[in-house]
């Protein structure tokens, strides 16, 4: 049995269904994360707000999706600027690719700002309401025995205070 997570490390996925952000300003006393700073960070540099609030995997996923959709936009832009020498026309569908990349990138950016602000609020309320908690979760880990890697199953005990 492995013992881990001693301290106050709160993950959004553990509290997202239990905490409501209604009347957030009335409920919160001392926030650990500023939702405004998280949102502005995400606006200035995509996904940086997620790293600020301690959700780096989610931030990397959002950054990757914005990178892909921005690449689609740039590809469509380059396609639409290239002109066929015989017809004088850009390739068919180039503008559609460009606009779809641009719109999708904008939608992901807007959603990520909303999402990071919501996560910051939920985590603040979780930190404020957290007391001593004990979690037992199934775990899979690799053990090296006699120069062989063996997959082992067990339980992970998390103690938060």
N, C-alpha and C. Protein backbone atom coordinates (compact mmCIF):
# COMPACT_ATOMS: atom_id res chain seq x y z
N UNK A 1 0.85 -1.17 0.00
CA UNK A 1 0.00 0.00 0.00
C UNK A 1 0.89 1.23 0.00
N UNK A 2 0.62 2.17 -0.90
CA UNK A 2 1.42 3.39 -0.97
C UNK A 2 0.69 4.53 -0.28
N UNK A 3 1.43 5.37 0.36
CA UNK A 3 0.88 6.53 1.06
C UNK A 3 1.37 7.78 0.34
N UNK A 4 0.49 8.66 -0.05
CA UNK A 4 0.92 9.86 -0.76
C UNK A 4 -0.04 11.00 -0.49
N UNK A 5 0.31 12.16 -1.05
CA UNK A 5 -0.54 13.35 -1.02
C UNK A 5 -0.76 13.89 0.38
N UNK A 6 0.31 14.04 1.13
CA UNK A 6 0.18 14.71 2.41
C UNK A 6 0.30 16.19 2.19
N UNK A 7 -0.66 16.95 2.61
CA UNK A 7 -0.68 18.39 2.41
C UNK A 7 -2.00 18.79 1.81
N UNK A 8 -2.09 20.04 1.42
CA UNK A 8 -3.34 20.55 0.88
C UNK A 8 -3.28 20.69 -0.62
N UNK A 9 -3.18 19.61 -1.33
CA UNK A 9 -3.20 19.64 -2.78
C UNK A 9 -4.58 19.22 -3.24
N UNK A 10 -5.34 20.17 -3.69
CA UNK A 10 -6.72 19.92 -4.10
C UNK A 10 -6.77 19.87 -5.61
N UNK A 11 -7.41 18.83 -6.14
CA UNK A 11 -7.58 18.68 -7.58
C UNK A 11 -9.01 19.02 -7.94
N UNK A 12 -9.16 19.72 -9.05
CA UNK A 12 -10.48 20.14 -9.50
C UNK A 12 -11.41 18.97 -9.74
N UNK A 13 -10.88 17.88 -10.32
CA UNK A 13 -11.74 16.74 -10.67
C UNK A 13 -12.36 16.09 -9.44
N UNK A 14 -11.75 16.25 -8.26
CA UNK A 14 -12.30 15.66 -7.04
C UNK A 14 -13.45 16.49 -6.46
N UNK A 15 -13.54 17.78 -6.81
CA UNK A 15 -14.51 18.67 -6.19
C UNK A 15 -15.51 19.28 -7.15
N UNK A 16 -15.35 19.08 -8.46
CA UNK A 16 -16.17 19.78 -9.44
C UNK A 16 -17.67 19.49 -9.31
N UNK A 17 -18.04 18.32 -8.86
CA UNK A 17 -19.46 17.99 -8.73
C UNK A 17 -20.03 18.34 -7.35
N UNK A 18 -19.16 18.58 -6.39
CA UNK A 18 -19.61 18.81 -5.02
C UNK A 18 -19.77 20.28 -4.65
N UNK A 19 -19.13 21.16 -5.39
CA UNK A 19 -19.09 22.58 -5.01
C UNK A 19 -19.77 23.42 -6.07
N UNK A 20 -20.66 24.30 -5.65
CA UNK A 20 -21.34 25.22 -6.55
C UNK A 20 -20.69 26.60 -6.41
N UNK A 21 -20.53 27.29 -7.54
CA UNK A 21 -19.92 28.61 -7.50
C UNK A 21 -20.95 29.73 -7.43
N UNK A 22 -22.20 29.38 -7.19
CA UNK A 22 -23.22 30.42 -7.01
C UNK A 22 -22.89 31.23 -5.76
N UNK A 23 -23.10 32.52 -5.85
CA UNK A 23 -22.82 33.44 -4.74
C UNK A 23 -21.38 33.30 -4.26
N UNK A 24 -20.45 33.19 -5.19
CA UNK A 24 -19.04 32.97 -4.87
C UNK A 24 -18.49 34.09 -3.99
N UNK A 25 -18.81 35.33 -4.31
CA UNK A 25 -18.26 36.46 -3.56
C UNK A 25 -18.74 36.49 -2.12
N UNK A 26 -19.92 35.98 -1.88
CA UNK A 26 -20.43 35.94 -0.51
C UNK A 26 -19.81 34.79 0.28
N UNK A 27 -19.47 33.70 -0.39
CA UNK A 27 -18.95 32.51 0.29
C UNK A 27 -17.47 32.61 0.61
N UNK A 28 -16.69 33.24 -0.24
CA UNK A 28 -15.24 33.19 -0.14
C UNK A 28 -14.72 34.22 0.87
N UNK A 29 -13.77 33.78 1.67
CA UNK A 29 -13.18 34.68 2.66
C UNK A 29 -11.74 35.03 2.27
N UNK A 30 -10.91 34.03 2.12
CA UNK A 30 -9.51 34.25 1.73
C UNK A 30 -9.17 33.34 0.56
N UNK A 31 -9.24 33.86 -0.66
CA UNK A 31 -8.95 33.01 -1.82
C UNK A 31 -7.47 32.69 -1.95
N UNK A 32 -7.17 31.47 -2.35
CA UNK A 32 -5.79 31.07 -2.62
C UNK A 32 -5.39 31.50 -4.02
N UNK A 33 -6.31 31.39 -4.97
CA UNK A 33 -6.07 31.77 -6.36
C UNK A 33 -7.02 32.89 -6.73
N UNK A 34 -6.54 33.84 -7.49
CA UNK A 34 -7.40 34.91 -7.98
C UNK A 34 -7.99 34.49 -9.32
N UNK A 35 -9.33 34.38 -9.41
CA UNK A 35 -9.95 34.03 -10.69
C UNK A 35 -9.65 35.07 -11.77
N UNK A 36 -9.52 36.33 -11.37
CA UNK A 36 -9.23 37.39 -12.35
C UNK A 36 -7.83 37.21 -12.92
N UNK A 37 -6.86 36.94 -12.05
CA UNK A 37 -5.48 36.73 -12.51
C UNK A 37 -5.42 35.50 -13.42
N UNK A 38 -6.12 34.44 -13.05
CA UNK A 38 -6.13 33.23 -13.88
C UNK A 38 -6.72 33.51 -15.26
N UNK A 39 -7.82 34.25 -15.31
CA UNK A 39 -8.44 34.58 -16.59
C UNK A 39 -7.57 35.49 -17.45
N UNK A 40 -6.94 36.49 -16.83
CA UNK A 40 -6.07 37.39 -17.57
C UNK A 40 -4.84 36.65 -18.08
N UNK A 41 -4.29 35.76 -17.26
CA UNK A 41 -3.14 34.95 -17.71
C UNK A 41 -3.52 34.13 -18.93
N UNK A 42 -4.71 33.53 -18.91
CA UNK A 42 -5.16 32.73 -20.05
C UNK A 42 -5.40 33.60 -21.28
N UNK A 43 -5.83 34.84 -21.08
CA UNK A 43 -6.07 35.74 -22.20
C UNK A 43 -4.75 36.18 -22.84
N UNK A 44 -3.78 36.55 -22.00
CA UNK A 44 -2.49 37.05 -22.50
C UNK A 44 -1.68 35.93 -23.16
N UNK A 45 -1.53 34.82 -22.45
CA UNK A 45 -0.81 33.68 -23.00
C UNK A 45 -1.66 32.44 -22.78
N UNK A 46 -2.17 31.84 -23.86
CA UNK A 46 -3.09 30.71 -23.72
C UNK A 46 -2.55 29.61 -22.81
N UNK A 47 -3.38 29.18 -21.90
CA UNK A 47 -3.14 28.07 -20.97
C UNK A 47 -2.26 28.42 -19.78
N UNK A 48 -1.72 29.60 -19.68
CA UNK A 48 -0.88 29.94 -18.53
C UNK A 48 -1.69 30.03 -17.24
N UNK A 49 -2.97 30.33 -17.33
CA UNK A 49 -3.82 30.37 -16.15
C UNK A 49 -3.97 29.01 -15.50
N UNK A 50 -3.97 27.96 -16.30
CA UNK A 50 -4.07 26.61 -15.76
C UNK A 50 -2.83 26.25 -14.94
N UNK A 51 -1.67 26.70 -15.39
CA UNK A 51 -0.45 26.45 -14.63
C UNK A 51 -0.46 27.25 -13.33
N UNK A 52 -1.03 28.46 -13.37
CA UNK A 52 -1.14 29.29 -12.17
C UNK A 52 -2.00 28.62 -11.09
N UNK A 53 -3.09 27.99 -11.50
CA UNK A 53 -3.99 27.38 -10.51
C UNK A 53 -3.66 25.93 -10.21
N UNK A 54 -2.58 25.42 -10.78
CA UNK A 54 -2.14 24.07 -10.43
C UNK A 54 -2.79 22.96 -11.22
N UNK A 55 -3.18 23.22 -12.45
CA UNK A 55 -3.77 22.21 -13.33
C UNK A 55 -2.94 22.12 -14.62
N UNK A 56 -1.67 21.67 -14.53
CA UNK A 56 -0.80 21.71 -15.70
C UNK A 56 -1.19 20.75 -16.83
N UNK A 57 -1.76 19.60 -16.51
CA UNK A 57 -2.14 18.66 -17.56
C UNK A 57 -3.29 19.23 -18.39
N UNK A 58 -4.25 19.81 -17.72
CA UNK A 58 -5.36 20.44 -18.42
C UNK A 58 -4.85 21.60 -19.27
N UNK A 59 -3.91 22.36 -18.73
CA UNK A 59 -3.33 23.47 -19.47
C UNK A 59 -2.58 23.00 -20.71
N UNK A 60 -1.85 21.91 -20.60
CA UNK A 60 -1.12 21.37 -21.75
C UNK A 60 -2.08 20.89 -22.83
N UNK A 61 -3.19 20.28 -22.42
CA UNK A 61 -4.19 19.82 -23.39
C UNK A 61 -4.84 20.99 -24.12
N UNK A 62 -5.20 22.03 -23.38
CA UNK A 62 -5.81 23.21 -24.00
C UNK A 62 -4.81 23.90 -24.91
N UNK A 63 -3.57 24.01 -24.46
CA UNK A 63 -2.54 24.64 -25.30
C UNK A 63 -2.33 23.85 -26.58
N UNK A 64 -2.31 22.53 -26.48
CA UNK A 64 -2.16 21.69 -27.66
C UNK A 64 -3.31 21.87 -28.64
N UNK A 65 -4.53 21.95 -28.12
CA UNK A 65 -5.68 22.13 -29.01
C UNK A 65 -5.65 23.51 -29.68
N UNK A 66 -5.22 24.53 -28.94
CA UNK A 66 -5.11 25.85 -29.55
C UNK A 66 -3.99 25.89 -30.59
N UNK A 67 -2.94 25.16 -30.34
CA UNK A 67 -1.84 25.09 -31.30
C UNK A 67 -2.29 24.42 -32.59
N UNK A 68 -3.06 23.35 -32.46
CA UNK A 68 -3.56 22.63 -33.65
C UNK A 68 -4.51 23.52 -34.44
N UNK A 69 -5.46 24.16 -33.77
CA UNK A 69 -6.43 24.99 -34.50
C UNK A 69 -5.77 26.24 -35.09
N UNK A 70 -4.76 26.78 -34.41
CA UNK A 70 -4.02 27.91 -34.99
C UNK A 70 -3.25 27.46 -36.22
N UNK A 71 -2.73 26.25 -36.19
CA UNK A 71 -2.02 25.72 -37.35
C UNK A 71 -2.96 25.54 -38.53
N UNK A 72 -4.19 25.11 -38.26
CA UNK A 72 -5.18 24.99 -39.33
C UNK A 72 -5.47 26.36 -39.93
N UNK A 73 -5.58 27.37 -39.08
CA UNK A 73 -5.81 28.74 -39.56
C UNK A 73 -4.66 29.21 -40.45
N UNK A 74 -3.42 29.01 -39.99
CA UNK A 74 -2.25 29.44 -40.76
C UNK A 74 -2.17 28.67 -42.08
N UNK A 75 -2.46 27.38 -42.04
CA UNK A 75 -2.46 26.58 -43.27
C UNK A 75 -3.49 27.12 -44.26
N UNK A 76 -4.67 27.43 -43.80
CA UNK A 76 -5.71 27.99 -44.67
C UNK A 76 -5.32 29.36 -45.19
N UNK A 77 -4.65 30.15 -44.36
CA UNK A 77 -4.21 31.47 -44.79
C UNK A 77 -3.16 31.36 -45.89
N UNK A 78 -2.21 30.47 -45.71
CA UNK A 78 -1.17 30.27 -46.73
C UNK A 78 -1.79 29.72 -48.01
N UNK A 79 -2.74 28.79 -47.86
CA UNK A 79 -3.42 28.25 -49.05
C UNK A 79 -4.18 29.34 -49.80
N UNK A 80 -4.85 30.21 -49.07
CA UNK A 80 -5.66 31.24 -49.73
C UNK A 80 -4.79 32.32 -50.37
N UNK A 81 -3.55 32.49 -49.89
CA UNK A 81 -2.66 33.48 -50.49
C UNK A 81 -1.94 32.93 -51.72
N UNK A 82 -1.88 31.62 -51.83
CA UNK A 82 -1.23 31.05 -53.02
C UNK A 82 -2.23 31.09 -54.18
N UNK A 83 -1.78 31.59 -55.29
CA UNK A 83 -2.65 31.79 -56.45
C UNK A 83 -2.15 30.90 -57.60
N UNK A 84 -3.09 30.24 -58.26
CA UNK A 84 -2.76 29.43 -59.42
C UNK A 84 -2.36 30.36 -60.57
N UNK A 85 -1.25 30.05 -61.22
CA UNK A 85 -0.74 30.94 -62.28
C UNK A 85 -1.64 30.96 -63.52
N UNK A 86 -2.37 29.89 -63.77
CA UNK A 86 -3.22 29.84 -64.96
C UNK A 86 -4.56 30.52 -64.75
N UNK A 87 -5.20 30.23 -63.62
CA UNK A 87 -6.55 30.75 -63.40
C UNK A 87 -6.56 32.03 -62.58
N UNK A 88 -5.53 32.30 -61.80
CA UNK A 88 -5.51 33.48 -60.94
C UNK A 88 -6.37 33.31 -59.70
N UNK A 89 -6.79 32.10 -59.41
CA UNK A 89 -7.66 31.80 -58.27
C UNK A 89 -6.87 31.07 -57.19
N UNK A 90 -7.29 31.24 -55.94
CA UNK A 90 -6.70 30.46 -54.85
C UNK A 90 -7.37 29.08 -54.83
N UNK A 91 -6.74 28.09 -54.23
CA UNK A 91 -7.33 26.75 -54.20
C UNK A 91 -8.73 26.74 -53.59
N UNK A 92 -9.55 25.84 -54.09
CA UNK A 92 -10.93 25.75 -53.60
C UNK A 92 -10.95 25.27 -52.15
N UNK A 93 -11.69 25.92 -51.31
CA UNK A 93 -11.82 25.54 -49.91
C UNK A 93 -10.77 26.14 -48.99
N UNK A 94 -9.87 26.95 -49.54
CA UNK A 94 -8.80 27.53 -48.72
C UNK A 94 -9.37 28.49 -47.67
N UNK A 95 -10.30 29.31 -48.09
CA UNK A 95 -10.90 30.27 -47.14
C UNK A 95 -11.72 29.56 -46.08
N UNK A 96 -12.37 28.46 -46.45
CA UNK A 96 -13.15 27.71 -45.47
C UNK A 96 -12.24 27.12 -44.40
N UNK A 97 -11.09 26.61 -44.82
CA UNK A 97 -10.12 26.08 -43.86
C UNK A 97 -9.61 27.18 -42.95
N UNK A 98 -9.30 28.33 -43.54
CA UNK A 98 -8.79 29.46 -42.76
C UNK A 98 -9.82 29.93 -41.73
N UNK A 99 -11.06 30.13 -42.16
CA UNK A 99 -12.09 30.61 -41.24
C UNK A 99 -12.44 29.57 -40.17
N UNK A 100 -12.45 28.30 -40.54
CA UNK A 100 -12.75 27.28 -39.53
C UNK A 100 -11.66 27.24 -38.46
N UNK A 101 -10.39 27.36 -38.87
CA UNK A 101 -9.30 27.41 -37.89
C UNK A 101 -9.38 28.63 -37.01
N UNK A 102 -9.72 29.78 -37.61
CA UNK A 102 -9.81 31.02 -36.85
C UNK A 102 -10.97 30.98 -35.84
N UNK A 103 -12.11 30.51 -36.27
CA UNK A 103 -13.28 30.46 -35.39
C UNK A 103 -13.07 29.45 -34.27
N UNK A 104 -12.52 28.29 -34.60
CA UNK A 104 -12.28 27.27 -33.59
C UNK A 104 -11.26 27.73 -32.56
N UNK A 105 -10.21 28.38 -33.01
CA UNK A 105 -9.21 28.91 -32.07
C UNK A 105 -9.85 29.93 -31.13
N UNK A 106 -10.67 30.80 -31.67
CA UNK A 106 -11.35 31.80 -30.83
C UNK A 106 -12.30 31.17 -29.82
N UNK A 107 -13.04 30.16 -30.26
CA UNK A 107 -13.96 29.49 -29.34
C UNK A 107 -13.21 28.78 -28.21
N UNK A 108 -12.11 28.12 -28.54
CA UNK A 108 -11.32 27.44 -27.51
C UNK A 108 -10.74 28.47 -26.54
N UNK A 109 -10.28 29.61 -27.06
CA UNK A 109 -9.72 30.66 -26.21
C UNK A 109 -10.77 31.20 -25.24
N UNK A 110 -11.96 31.48 -25.74
CA UNK A 110 -13.04 32.00 -24.88
C UNK A 110 -13.44 30.95 -23.84
N UNK A 111 -13.61 29.69 -24.28
CA UNK A 111 -13.97 28.63 -23.34
C UNK A 111 -12.91 28.45 -22.27
N UNK A 112 -11.64 28.51 -22.65
CA UNK A 112 -10.58 28.27 -21.67
C UNK A 112 -10.52 29.38 -20.62
N UNK A 113 -10.82 30.62 -21.00
CA UNK A 113 -10.87 31.70 -20.01
C UNK A 113 -11.99 31.45 -19.03
N UNK A 114 -13.17 31.10 -19.54
CA UNK A 114 -14.31 30.78 -18.66
C UNK A 114 -13.97 29.59 -17.76
N UNK A 115 -13.36 28.56 -18.33
CA UNK A 115 -13.05 27.34 -17.60
C UNK A 115 -12.03 27.59 -16.48
N UNK A 116 -10.99 28.34 -16.77
CA UNK A 116 -9.95 28.57 -15.75
C UNK A 116 -10.49 29.42 -14.61
N UNK A 117 -11.38 30.35 -14.89
CA UNK A 117 -12.00 31.16 -13.83
C UNK A 117 -12.88 30.27 -12.95
N UNK A 118 -13.65 29.39 -13.58
CA UNK A 118 -14.51 28.47 -12.82
C UNK A 118 -13.68 27.53 -11.95
N UNK A 119 -12.59 27.00 -12.49
CA UNK A 119 -11.74 26.09 -11.72
C UNK A 119 -11.12 26.82 -10.54
N UNK A 120 -10.67 28.05 -10.75
CA UNK A 120 -10.08 28.82 -9.65
C UNK A 120 -11.10 29.04 -8.54
N UNK A 121 -12.34 29.32 -8.90
CA UNK A 121 -13.38 29.52 -7.89
C UNK A 121 -13.67 28.23 -7.13
N UNK A 122 -13.79 27.11 -7.85
CA UNK A 122 -14.07 25.83 -7.20
C UNK A 122 -12.94 25.45 -6.26
N UNK A 123 -11.70 25.63 -6.71
CA UNK A 123 -10.56 25.28 -5.86
C UNK A 123 -10.48 26.18 -4.64
N UNK A 124 -10.80 27.47 -4.80
CA UNK A 124 -10.82 28.37 -3.64
C UNK A 124 -11.85 27.93 -2.61
N UNK A 125 -13.04 27.58 -3.09
CA UNK A 125 -14.08 27.11 -2.17
C UNK A 125 -13.70 25.78 -1.54
N UNK A 126 -13.02 24.93 -2.27
CA UNK A 126 -12.58 23.64 -1.73
C UNK A 126 -11.51 23.85 -0.66
N UNK A 127 -10.57 24.76 -0.91
CA UNK A 127 -9.55 25.04 0.11
C UNK A 127 -10.17 25.64 1.35
N UNK A 128 -11.14 26.51 1.15
CA UNK A 128 -11.78 27.15 2.29
C UNK A 128 -12.58 26.15 3.13
N UNK A 129 -13.24 25.21 2.46
CA UNK A 129 -14.06 24.25 3.18
C UNK A 129 -13.36 22.95 3.51
N UNK A 130 -12.09 22.86 3.15
CA UNK A 130 -11.41 21.58 3.37
C UNK A 130 -10.99 21.42 4.82
N UNK A 131 -11.16 20.24 5.26
CA UNK A 131 -10.72 19.85 6.58
C UNK A 131 -9.88 18.60 6.38
N UNK A 132 -9.75 17.79 7.34
CA UNK A 132 -9.00 16.56 7.19
C UNK A 132 -9.83 15.59 6.36
N UNK A 133 -9.22 15.03 5.32
CA UNK A 133 -9.92 14.05 4.51
C UNK A 133 -8.99 12.89 4.18
N UNK A 134 -9.60 11.76 3.99
CA UNK A 134 -8.86 10.54 3.70
C UNK A 134 -9.48 9.90 2.47
N UNK A 135 -8.65 9.62 1.45
CA UNK A 135 -9.15 8.98 0.24
C UNK A 135 -8.36 7.72 -0.02
N UNK A 136 -9.07 6.68 -0.43
CA UNK A 136 -8.44 5.43 -0.84
C UNK A 136 -8.84 5.19 -2.29
N UNK A 137 -7.83 5.10 -3.17
CA UNK A 137 -8.10 4.91 -4.60
C UNK A 137 -7.29 3.73 -5.10
N UNK A 138 -7.80 3.01 -6.10
CA UNK A 138 -7.01 1.93 -6.69
C UNK A 138 -5.81 2.51 -7.44
N UNK A 139 -4.71 1.76 -7.48
CA UNK A 139 -3.49 2.26 -8.09
C UNK A 139 -2.79 1.13 -8.83
N UNK A 140 -2.16 1.48 -9.93
CA UNK A 140 -1.34 0.55 -10.71
C UNK A 140 0.06 1.14 -10.76
N UNK A 141 1.05 0.39 -10.35
CA UNK A 141 2.42 0.89 -10.39
C UNK A 141 3.36 -0.23 -10.82
N UNK A 142 4.55 0.14 -11.27
CA UNK A 142 5.55 -0.79 -11.77
C UNK A 142 6.60 -1.02 -10.68
N UNK A 143 6.87 -2.29 -10.38
CA UNK A 143 7.86 -2.65 -9.37
C UNK A 143 8.99 -3.40 -10.07
N UNK A 144 10.23 -3.08 -9.71
CA UNK A 144 11.39 -3.75 -10.29
C UNK A 144 11.85 -4.84 -9.33
N UNK A 145 11.68 -6.09 -9.71
CA UNK A 145 12.11 -7.22 -8.90
C UNK A 145 13.04 -8.10 -9.74
N UNK A 146 14.25 -8.31 -9.26
CA UNK A 146 15.22 -9.16 -9.95
C UNK A 146 15.41 -8.73 -11.40
N UNK A 147 15.58 -7.46 -11.63
CA UNK A 147 15.78 -6.88 -12.96
C UNK A 147 14.61 -7.13 -13.91
N UNK A 148 13.43 -7.32 -13.38
CA UNK A 148 12.23 -7.46 -14.19
C UNK A 148 11.21 -6.44 -13.70
N UNK A 149 10.56 -5.76 -14.64
CA UNK A 149 9.50 -4.83 -14.29
C UNK A 149 8.18 -5.59 -14.21
N UNK A 150 7.53 -5.49 -13.07
CA UNK A 150 6.29 -6.21 -12.83
C UNK A 150 5.20 -5.18 -12.49
N UNK A 151 4.06 -5.29 -13.15
CA UNK A 151 2.94 -4.42 -12.85
C UNK A 151 2.27 -4.91 -11.57
N UNK A 152 2.06 -3.99 -10.64
CA UNK A 152 1.44 -4.35 -9.36
C UNK A 152 0.20 -3.49 -9.15
N UNK A 153 -0.79 -4.09 -8.57
CA UNK A 153 -2.01 -3.38 -8.24
C UNK A 153 -2.02 -3.13 -6.74
N UNK A 154 -2.60 -2.03 -6.34
CA UNK A 154 -2.68 -1.72 -4.92
C UNK A 154 -3.66 -0.59 -4.67
N UNK A 155 -3.59 -0.06 -3.50
CA UNK A 155 -4.43 1.07 -3.11
C UNK A 155 -3.56 2.26 -2.78
N UNK A 156 -4.01 3.44 -3.17
CA UNK A 156 -3.31 4.67 -2.85
C UNK A 156 -4.10 5.37 -1.74
N UNK A 157 -3.44 5.65 -0.67
CA UNK A 157 -4.06 6.32 0.46
C UNK A 157 -3.67 7.78 0.41
N UNK A 158 -4.67 8.66 0.34
CA UNK A 158 -4.42 10.11 0.30
C UNK A 158 -4.98 10.72 1.56
N UNK A 159 -4.17 11.49 2.24
CA UNK A 159 -4.57 12.15 3.47
C UNK A 159 -4.37 13.64 3.28
N UNK A 160 -5.45 14.41 3.29
CA UNK A 160 -5.39 15.86 3.11
C UNK A 160 -5.78 16.56 4.40
N UNK A 161 -5.04 17.59 4.71
CA UNK A 161 -5.38 18.37 5.92
C UNK A 161 -5.21 19.83 5.64
